[in-house]
Protein backbone atom coordinates (compact mmCIF):
# COMPACT_ATOMS: atom_id res chain seq x y z
CA MET A 1 -14.84 53.56 0.24
CA PHE A 2 -16.20 50.35 -1.24
CA ASP A 3 -12.69 48.97 -1.65
CA GLN A 4 -12.03 49.35 2.08
CA GLU A 5 -15.28 47.54 3.00
CA ASP A 6 -14.49 44.74 0.53
CA SER A 7 -11.01 44.40 2.01
CA GLU A 8 -12.37 44.18 5.56
CA LEU A 9 -15.00 41.66 4.44
CA ASN A 10 -12.30 39.52 2.79
CA VAL A 11 -10.26 39.51 6.00
CA VAL A 12 -13.28 38.50 8.10
CA MET A 13 -14.23 35.76 5.63
CA GLY A 14 -10.65 34.49 5.62
CA VAL A 15 -10.61 34.30 9.42
CA VAL A 16 -13.99 32.48 9.49
CA PHE A 17 -12.89 29.93 6.88
CA GLY A 18 -9.61 29.42 8.72
CA ILE A 19 -11.46 28.67 11.96
CA ILE A 20 -13.79 26.25 10.15
CA ALA A 21 -10.78 24.48 8.61
CA LEU A 22 -9.14 24.13 12.03
CA VAL A 23 -12.33 22.71 13.57
CA ILE A 24 -12.68 20.17 10.74
CA ALA A 25 -9.02 19.16 11.08
CA PHE A 26 -9.45 18.76 14.85
CA VAL A 27 -12.54 16.54 14.42
CA ILE A 28 -10.83 14.37 11.80
CA GLY A 29 -7.72 14.06 13.97
CA LEU A 30 -9.79 13.14 17.01
CA ALA A 31 -11.71 10.49 15.05
CA ALA A 32 -8.51 9.03 13.61
CA ASN A 33 -6.94 8.90 17.07
CA GLN A 34 -9.94 7.08 18.54
CA LEU A 35 -10.07 4.57 15.68
CA GLY A 36 -6.33 3.97 15.99
CA GLY A 37 -6.76 3.41 19.73
CA LYS A 38 -9.28 0.65 19.11
CA GLN A 39 -6.79 -1.22 16.96
CA ALA A 40 -4.26 -1.13 19.79
CA ALA A 41 -6.64 -2.18 22.55
CA PRO A 42 -5.12 -4.11 25.42
CA ALA A 43 -5.32 -7.87 25.54
CA VAL A 44 -8.07 -9.68 27.40
CA ALA A 45 -7.72 -9.07 31.10
CA ALA A 46 -8.80 -11.31 33.93
CA THR A 47 -11.34 -9.53 36.13
CA GLY A 48 -10.86 -11.06 39.50
CA ALA A 49 -12.70 -14.39 39.78
CA GLY A 50 -11.18 -15.79 36.60
CA GLU A 51 -13.67 -14.01 34.35
CA VAL A 52 -12.51 -12.67 31.02
CA ALA A 53 -13.08 -9.10 29.87
CA PHE A 54 -14.18 -8.30 26.34
CA VAL A 55 -12.20 -5.95 24.14
CA ASP A 56 -13.40 -3.62 21.42
CA VAL A 57 -11.03 -4.55 18.62
CA ALA A 58 -12.02 -4.18 14.98
CA GLU A 59 -12.22 -7.43 13.05
CA VAL A 60 -9.74 -7.50 10.19
CA GLY A 61 -10.28 -9.74 7.18
CA GLU A 62 -12.07 -13.05 7.00
CA PRO A 63 -12.05 -15.53 9.90
CA LEU A 64 -9.32 -18.16 9.81
CA VAL A 65 -11.70 -20.78 11.23
CA LYS A 66 -15.36 -21.00 12.19
CA ILE A 67 -16.04 -23.44 15.00
CA HIS A 68 -19.69 -24.55 14.99
CA PHE A 69 -21.72 -25.78 17.96
CA ASP A 70 -24.89 -27.79 18.45
CA VAL A 71 -28.05 -26.08 19.70
CA GLY A 72 -27.58 -24.88 23.28
CA GLN A 73 -24.15 -26.52 23.55
CA THR A 74 -20.86 -24.97 24.57
CA ALA A 75 -18.64 -28.06 24.29
CA LEU A 76 -16.27 -28.25 21.33
CA SER A 77 -17.19 -30.66 18.54
CA ALA A 78 -15.01 -33.47 17.21
CA ALA A 79 -13.82 -31.20 14.38
CA ALA A 80 -12.60 -28.49 16.76
CA PRO A 81 -9.10 -29.89 17.59
CA ALA A 82 -8.04 -29.62 13.94
CA GLN A 83 -9.35 -26.05 13.80
CA ILE A 84 -7.56 -25.17 17.05
CA ALA A 85 -4.34 -26.60 15.57
CA THR A 86 -4.80 -24.35 12.50
CA VAL A 87 -5.04 -21.29 14.76
CA VAL A 88 -2.02 -22.35 16.85
CA THR A 89 0.04 -22.78 13.66
CA ALA A 90 -1.02 -19.35 12.37
CA LEU A 91 -0.15 -17.72 15.70
CA ALA A 92 3.25 -19.43 15.74
CA ALA A 93 3.93 -18.00 12.27
CA ALA A 94 2.95 -14.49 13.39
CA PRO A 95 4.48 -13.84 16.83
CA GLN A 96 3.03 -10.30 17.06
CA ALA A 97 -0.53 -11.38 16.17
CA SER A 98 -3.39 -12.29 18.47
CA ALA A 99 -6.37 -14.58 18.07
CA LEU A 100 -9.62 -12.60 18.09
CA LEU A 101 -12.64 -14.71 19.11
CA SER A 102 -16.15 -13.62 18.16
CA GLY A 103 -19.05 -15.70 19.48
CA PHE A 104 -22.35 -15.64 17.59
CA HIS A 105 -25.85 -16.89 18.30
CA ASP A 106 -29.10 -17.00 16.38
CA GLU A 107 -32.14 -14.87 17.17
CA THR A 108 -34.27 -17.64 18.69
CA GLY A 109 -34.73 -17.81 22.44
CA GLY A 110 -34.02 -15.22 25.09
CA ALA A 111 -31.41 -12.59 24.32
CA ALA A 112 -29.67 -12.91 27.70
CA VAL A 113 -29.50 -16.71 27.50
CA ASN A 114 -28.22 -16.59 23.91
CA ALA A 115 -25.54 -14.05 24.81
CA GLU A 116 -24.41 -16.23 27.72
CA VAL A 117 -24.27 -19.34 25.50
CA ALA A 118 -22.28 -17.46 22.83
CA LYS A 119 -19.88 -16.16 25.52
CA ASN A 120 -19.41 -19.66 26.94
CA ARG A 121 -18.73 -21.05 23.45
CA ALA A 122 -16.02 -18.43 22.95
CA LEU A 123 -14.62 -19.27 26.39
CA SER A 124 -14.46 -22.96 25.37
CA VAL A 125 -12.43 -22.01 22.30
CA ARG A 126 -10.23 -19.71 24.41
CA GLN A 127 -9.55 -22.49 26.91
CA ALA A 128 -8.68 -24.90 24.09
CA LEU A 129 -6.23 -22.39 22.60
CA ILE A 130 -4.59 -21.82 25.98
CA ALA A 131 -4.41 -25.59 26.58
CA ALA A 132 -2.70 -25.89 23.17
CA GLY A 133 0.04 -23.52 24.37
CA VAL A 134 -1.19 -20.09 23.25
CA PRO A 135 -0.47 -17.45 25.93
CA SER A 136 -3.72 -16.06 27.37
CA GLU A 137 -2.71 -12.47 26.55
CA ARG A 138 -2.72 -13.40 22.83
CA VAL A 139 -6.38 -14.52 22.92
CA LEU A 140 -8.79 -11.59 22.63
CA MET A 141 -12.57 -11.87 22.94
CA ARG A 142 -15.27 -9.65 21.46
CA ARG A 143 -18.79 -9.37 22.87
CA PRO A 144 -21.27 -12.01 21.63
CA ALA A 145 -23.21 -11.01 18.52
CA VAL A 146 -26.55 -12.09 17.11
CA THR A 147 -26.74 -13.30 13.54
CA LEU A 148 -29.92 -12.01 11.95
CA GLY A 149 -31.70 -13.75 9.09
CA GLY A 150 -30.13 -16.38 6.91
CA THR A 151 -31.36 -19.87 6.16
CA ASP A 152 -28.73 -21.87 8.04
CA ALA A 153 -29.31 -21.71 11.80
CA ALA A 154 -26.18 -23.82 12.39
CA GLU A 155 -24.07 -21.04 10.83
CA ALA A 156 -25.32 -18.68 13.56
CA ARG A 157 -24.07 -20.98 16.34
CA ARG A 158 -20.37 -20.44 15.88
CA VAL A 159 -17.20 -18.85 17.14
CA GLU A 160 -15.09 -17.13 14.53
CA VAL A 161 -11.34 -16.95 15.08
CA ARG A 162 -9.24 -14.33 13.31
CA VAL A 163 -5.47 -14.08 13.61
CA GLN A 164 -4.59 -10.39 13.35
């Protein structure tokens, strides 16, 4: 009598553990699919009036160049053309790669103003890359980010460019 109850209990436990394993596998597969989808996000798209859309692409590795800006400025510095040339050369060597631009700003001032300045800095770099012959679909832009802390405020006012 006890053997029959143990046998039925083993079957029920096996079914329960099987269902749990399937749910875990489904969740892991779903998470992997979503992460893989972010890596293959579409290129920056124009949104009507010449505006540029941001993409959610994971940053891979260290930035190839960091283009720094003066306080409140969006114009490229005198050092920028050499950095743009470095990016163009890297893109020419990797025809399947794209340039991922990430604009940063420090935490001083209004958040909305800082985000707009960081976006305009990234747009300046994007325009310079396009003017240097990089197709616009190969230049991706991430949303502006704030750099918290640190002792060098100039480091916060930058656009990082990754070729990935």
